[in-house]
Protein backbone atom coordinates (compact mmCIF):
# COMPACT_ATOMS: atom_id res chain seq x y z
CA MET A 1 -34.03 37.91 90.93
CA THR A 2 -36.50 40.14 89.07
CA ILE A 3 -36.44 40.70 85.30
CA ASP A 4 -35.41 44.34 85.89
CA SER A 5 -32.34 43.26 87.89
CA PHE A 6 -31.45 40.48 85.39
CA LEU A 7 -31.30 42.76 82.30
CA PRO A 8 -28.32 44.94 83.47
CA ALA A 9 -26.38 41.81 84.41
CA ARG A 10 -27.07 40.33 80.98
CA ARG A 11 -25.91 43.53 79.25
CA TRP A 12 -22.67 43.45 81.30
CA ILE A 13 -21.99 39.84 80.26
CA VAL A 14 -22.57 40.62 76.57
CA THR A 15 -20.27 43.67 76.76
CA ALA A 16 -17.52 41.58 78.39
CA LEU A 17 -17.79 38.88 75.71
CA ILE A 18 -17.52 41.48 72.93
CA ALA A 19 -14.42 43.00 74.56
CA ILE A 20 -12.75 39.58 74.84
CA ALA A 21 -13.52 38.85 71.19
CA LEU A 22 -12.01 42.18 70.07
CA VAL A 23 -8.81 41.64 72.08
CA SER A 24 -8.43 38.13 70.63
CA ALA A 25 -8.93 39.39 67.07
CA ILE A 26 -6.32 42.11 67.54
CA ALA A 27 -3.84 39.61 69.00
CA PHE A 28 -4.23 37.20 66.05
CA ALA A 29 -3.94 40.02 63.50
CA ALA A 30 -0.85 41.61 65.03
CA PRO A 31 2.28 41.62 62.86
CA VAL A 32 5.46 39.82 63.81
CA PRO A 33 6.86 41.32 67.05
CA ALA A 34 10.53 41.91 67.76
CA ARG A 35 12.85 42.97 70.52
CA ALA A 36 15.95 45.12 70.23
CA GLN A 37 19.27 43.42 70.88
CA GLY A 38 21.54 46.45 70.66
CA THR A 39 24.47 44.49 69.23
CA THR A 40 26.39 44.92 65.99
CA ASP A 41 25.66 41.32 64.94
CA CYS A 42 21.93 41.52 65.66
CA PRO A 43 20.50 45.05 66.06
CA ILE A 44 16.92 43.70 66.14
CA LEU A 45 15.95 40.07 66.82
CA ILE A 46 12.77 38.71 65.23
CA THR A 47 10.75 35.67 66.30
CA MET A 48 8.32 34.74 63.51
CA TYR A 49 4.67 34.25 64.44
CA ASP A 50 3.59 33.50 60.89
CA SER A 51 5.04 32.52 57.50
CA LEU A 52 6.66 35.14 55.26
CA ILE A 53 8.23 34.96 51.79
CA ILE A 54 11.73 36.49 51.70
CA ARG A 55 13.28 38.06 48.57
CA ALA A 56 16.84 38.29 47.25
CA GLN A 57 16.62 42.10 46.97
CA PRO A 58 14.21 44.81 48.21
CA GLY A 59 11.04 44.61 46.09
CA TYR A 60 8.30 42.10 45.36
CA GLY A 61 9.66 41.52 41.86
CA SER A 62 12.91 40.05 43.21
CA ALA A 63 13.56 36.31 43.35
CA VAL A 64 12.32 34.32 46.35
CA THR A 65 15.15 33.05 48.59
CA VAL A 66 13.26 31.31 51.40
CA GLN A 67 9.92 31.17 53.19
CA LEU A 68 10.16 31.80 56.92
CA VAL A 69 7.66 29.98 59.13
CA ALA A 70 6.32 30.44 62.63
CA GLY A 71 9.06 29.83 65.17
CA ASP A 72 11.96 30.90 62.92
CA VAL A 73 14.36 33.37 64.55
CA VAL A 74 16.17 35.93 62.38
CA CYS A 75 18.05 39.20 62.82
CA MET A 76 17.30 42.53 61.15
CA ILE A 77 20.71 43.79 60.01
CA GLY A 78 19.87 46.49 57.44
CA ARG A 79 17.23 48.33 55.43
CA ASN A 80 16.71 50.18 52.17
CA SER A 81 16.82 53.97 52.03
CA ASP A 82 13.12 54.59 52.72
CA ALA A 83 12.90 51.80 55.36
CA SER A 84 10.21 49.93 53.40
CA TRP A 85 12.29 46.72 53.28
CA VAL A 86 14.59 45.15 55.88
CA GLN A 87 17.53 42.79 55.39
CA LEU A 88 17.46 39.57 57.44
CA ARG A 89 19.92 36.83 58.37
CA ARG A 90 20.14 34.01 60.88
CA PRO A 91 21.47 34.83 64.36
CA ALA A 92 24.61 33.36 65.91
CA PRO A 93 26.14 30.87 65.59
CA SER A 94 25.12 30.24 61.97
CA TYR A 95 24.82 33.83 60.60
CA GLY A 96 23.28 32.25 57.49
CA ALA A 97 21.97 34.61 54.82
CA VAL A 98 18.17 34.96 54.52
CA GLY A 99 17.29 37.96 52.30
CA TRP A 100 14.87 40.91 52.36
CA GLY A 101 11.37 41.19 53.78
CA PRO A 102 8.79 44.00 53.68
CA ALA A 103 9.05 46.22 56.75
CA SER A 104 5.24 46.33 56.96
CA ALA A 105 5.25 42.64 57.96
CA PHE A 106 6.99 43.38 61.26
CA THR A 107 6.34 45.35 64.42
CA THR A 108 9.47 46.28 66.37
CA THR A 109 10.04 47.80 69.77
CA VAL A 110 12.58 50.23 68.25
CA PRO A 111 12.30 52.14 64.95
CA ILE A 112 13.65 50.32 61.88
CA THR A 113 15.54 53.49 61.01
CA ILE A 114 18.22 52.51 63.56
CA LEU A 115 19.36 49.94 60.98
CA PRO A 116 22.06 50.89 58.46
CA VAL A 117 21.13 51.30 54.79
CA THR A 118 22.57 48.16 53.18
CA ASP A 119 21.26 48.38 49.64
CA GLY A 120 22.54 50.67 46.88
CA THR A 121 26.15 51.81 46.93
CA PRO A 122 28.53 48.97 47.85
CA PRO A 123 30.56 49.47 51.02
CA PRO A 124 34.29 50.10 50.64
CA PRO A 125 36.56 47.06 50.84
CA VAL A 126 38.03 46.16 54.19
CA ILE A 127 41.70 47.18 54.24
CA THR A 128 43.96 44.56 55.83
CA PRO A 129 47.59 45.65 55.49
CA THR A 130 48.92 42.51 57.19
CA PRO A 131 46.94 39.33 56.51
CA PRO A 132 47.08 36.61 59.16
CA PRO A 133 50.25 34.50 58.89
CA VAL A 134 48.48 31.40 57.58
CA THR A 135 50.00 29.47 54.69
CA PRO A 136 47.19 28.60 52.25
CA ALA A 137 46.64 24.87 51.94
CA PRO A 138 47.20 23.37 48.49
CA GLY A 139 44.18 23.26 46.24
CA GLY A 140 42.34 20.04 45.71
CA GLN A 141 39.01 18.55 44.79
CA THR A 142 35.79 19.94 46.15
CA TYR A 143 33.02 18.44 48.25
CA VAL A 144 29.43 19.66 48.70
CA VAL A 145 28.39 19.43 52.35
CA GLN A 146 25.41 17.14 52.96
CA ALA A 147 22.88 17.33 55.79
CA GLY A 148 24.39 15.68 58.88
CA ASP A 149 28.01 16.18 57.78
CA TYR A 150 30.61 17.53 60.18
CA LEU A 151 34.24 18.50 59.64
CA SER A 152 36.03 15.62 61.33
CA ALA A 153 33.95 13.03 59.43
CA ILE A 154 34.70 14.74 56.10
CA ALA A 155 38.42 14.87 56.96
CA ARG A 156 38.43 11.12 57.73
CA ARG A 157 36.58 10.37 54.50
CA PHE A 158 39.30 12.03 52.41
CA GLY A 159 42.23 10.95 54.60
CA ILE A 160 43.33 14.47 55.55
CA THR A 161 43.81 16.23 58.88
CA LEU A 162 41.03 18.27 60.43
CA THR A 163 43.37 21.27 60.72
CA ALA A 164 44.16 21.19 56.99
CA LEU A 165 40.45 21.08 56.13
CA ILE A 166 39.67 24.01 58.46
CA GLN A 167 42.51 26.17 57.07
CA ALA A 168 41.70 25.40 53.44
CA ASN A 169 38.11 26.58 53.86
CA ASN A 170 38.51 29.49 56.29
CA VAL A 171 36.16 27.81 58.80
CA GLN A 172 35.98 30.09 61.81
CA PRO A 173 36.27 29.24 65.53
CA PRO A 174 34.85 28.70 68.02
CA ASN A 175 31.93 26.77 66.50
CA TYR A 176 33.44 25.75 63.11
CA VAL A 177 29.99 25.82 61.51
CA ILE A 178 29.42 24.33 58.04
CA TYR A 179 26.14 24.20 56.10
CA ALA A 180 24.39 21.75 53.81
CA GLY A 181 25.11 22.92 50.26
CA GLN A 182 28.40 24.62 51.18
CA VAL A 183 31.32 23.75 48.87
CA LEU A 184 34.51 22.69 50.69
CA VAL A 185 37.99 22.46 49.15
CA ILE A 186 39.69 19.18 50.07
CA PRO A 187 43.40 20.07 50.29
CA GLY A 188 46.14 17.70 49.15
CA THR A 189 43.86 15.75 46.82
CA THR A 190 43.69 15.68 43.05
CA PRO A 191 42.01 18.85 41.76
CA THR A 192 38.67 18.35 40.04
CA GLN A 193 36.17 20.55 38.28
CA PRO A 194 33.80 22.52 40.53
CA PRO A 195 30.58 20.68 41.35
CA THR A 196 27.55 21.16 39.14
CA GLY A 197 26.00 24.58 39.66
CA TYR A 198 29.22 26.30 40.73
CA THR A 199 32.22 27.99 39.18
CA GLN A 200 35.52 29.03 40.76
CA TYR A 201 36.88 32.55 41.10
CA THR A 202 40.34 33.53 42.35
CA VAL A 203 40.27 36.70 44.45
CA LYS A 204 42.31 39.61 43.06
CA GLN A 205 43.80 42.63 44.82
CA GLY A 206 41.02 45.15 45.50
CA ASP A 207 38.19 42.59 45.29
CA TYR A 208 35.49 42.41 47.92
CA LEU A 209 32.37 40.28 48.20
CA VAL A 210 29.90 42.88 46.91
CA SER A 211 31.95 43.57 43.75
CA ILE A 212 32.40 39.83 43.06
CA GLY A 213 28.69 39.23 43.67
CA ASN A 214 27.77 42.02 41.24
CA GLN A 215 30.14 40.55 38.64
CA PHE A 216 28.44 37.15 38.76
CA GLY A 217 24.90 38.30 39.59
CA VAL A 218 24.97 36.68 43.05
CA HIS A 219 24.15 38.45 46.32
CA TRP A 220 27.25 39.00 48.46
CA SER A 221 25.66 37.28 51.47
CA THR A 222 25.15 34.13 49.37
CA LEU A 223 28.86 34.12 48.52
CA ALA A 224 29.67 34.53 52.21
CA THR A 225 27.44 31.60 53.17
CA VAL A 226 28.67 29.22 50.45
CA ASN A 227 32.33 29.96 51.23
CA ASN A 228 31.84 30.20 55.02
CA ILE A 229 33.15 33.77 55.18
CA GLN A 230 31.99 35.42 58.37
CA SER A 231 31.94 38.96 59.72
CA PRO A 232 33.90 41.17 59.02
CA TYR A 233 33.84 39.34 55.64
CA VAL A 234 37.54 39.60 54.83
CA ILE A 235 38.88 37.90 51.68
CA TYR A 236 42.47 37.74 50.40
CA PRO A 237 44.15 37.85 46.98
CA GLY A 238 44.69 34.28 45.76
CA GLN A 239 41.77 32.88 47.74
CA VAL A 240 39.53 30.62 45.61
CA LEU A 241 35.79 31.21 45.97
CA MET A 242 32.95 28.96 44.84
CA ILE A 243 30.35 30.97 42.88
CA PRO A 244 26.81 29.56 42.49
CA THR A 245 25.80 29.73 38.82
CA GLY A 246 22.14 28.77 39.20
């Protein structure tokens, strides 16, 4: 091979290497991708490719709720009015609250504006003319769920039936999910003071989670998680809620 024939081949190799380097750099710098789910529970599903600090409310001045890491899966369920922040929560079956993240941190296959505006004016309360015919279990002491706990083991510990424990805490089928840190009422036992860091609130006619959260300075989704209240987030007069005070 002559020098004249070698030089074009060398230029081609260098050009190919530069192109590969540029593609790799763009791939590593790309924001978190997402795919649309098209469901009410999870309009947009996000798989995290990097860590991201999540806030309690839209805005960098709001308190930090959690730091997502690569591999975490969350749902976009809402946004603020100018679509600069998006509201996130865990997908089924947990539906655990997460918080708000900057929209600029994500790239989605559908526009974020498909999400409902979930900050600002509270939604109207859900009207339930005929509550389910369930007799509330008697009040009792409380128990803070620990990592590794499950309902049947807690029921055995306190000598009560699993059904009574489920009804007293509004734990929903079919998965009957509970979370570490959740406060359970143990029916039929001697009432005690709420655990440290919590206070109790008895739901009144016309209450809904957003109004109670505003009253105590707690986000409504945190109340839903602590008390295991799931979509459509219905509460009833006389129901006792645990309110985090920290």
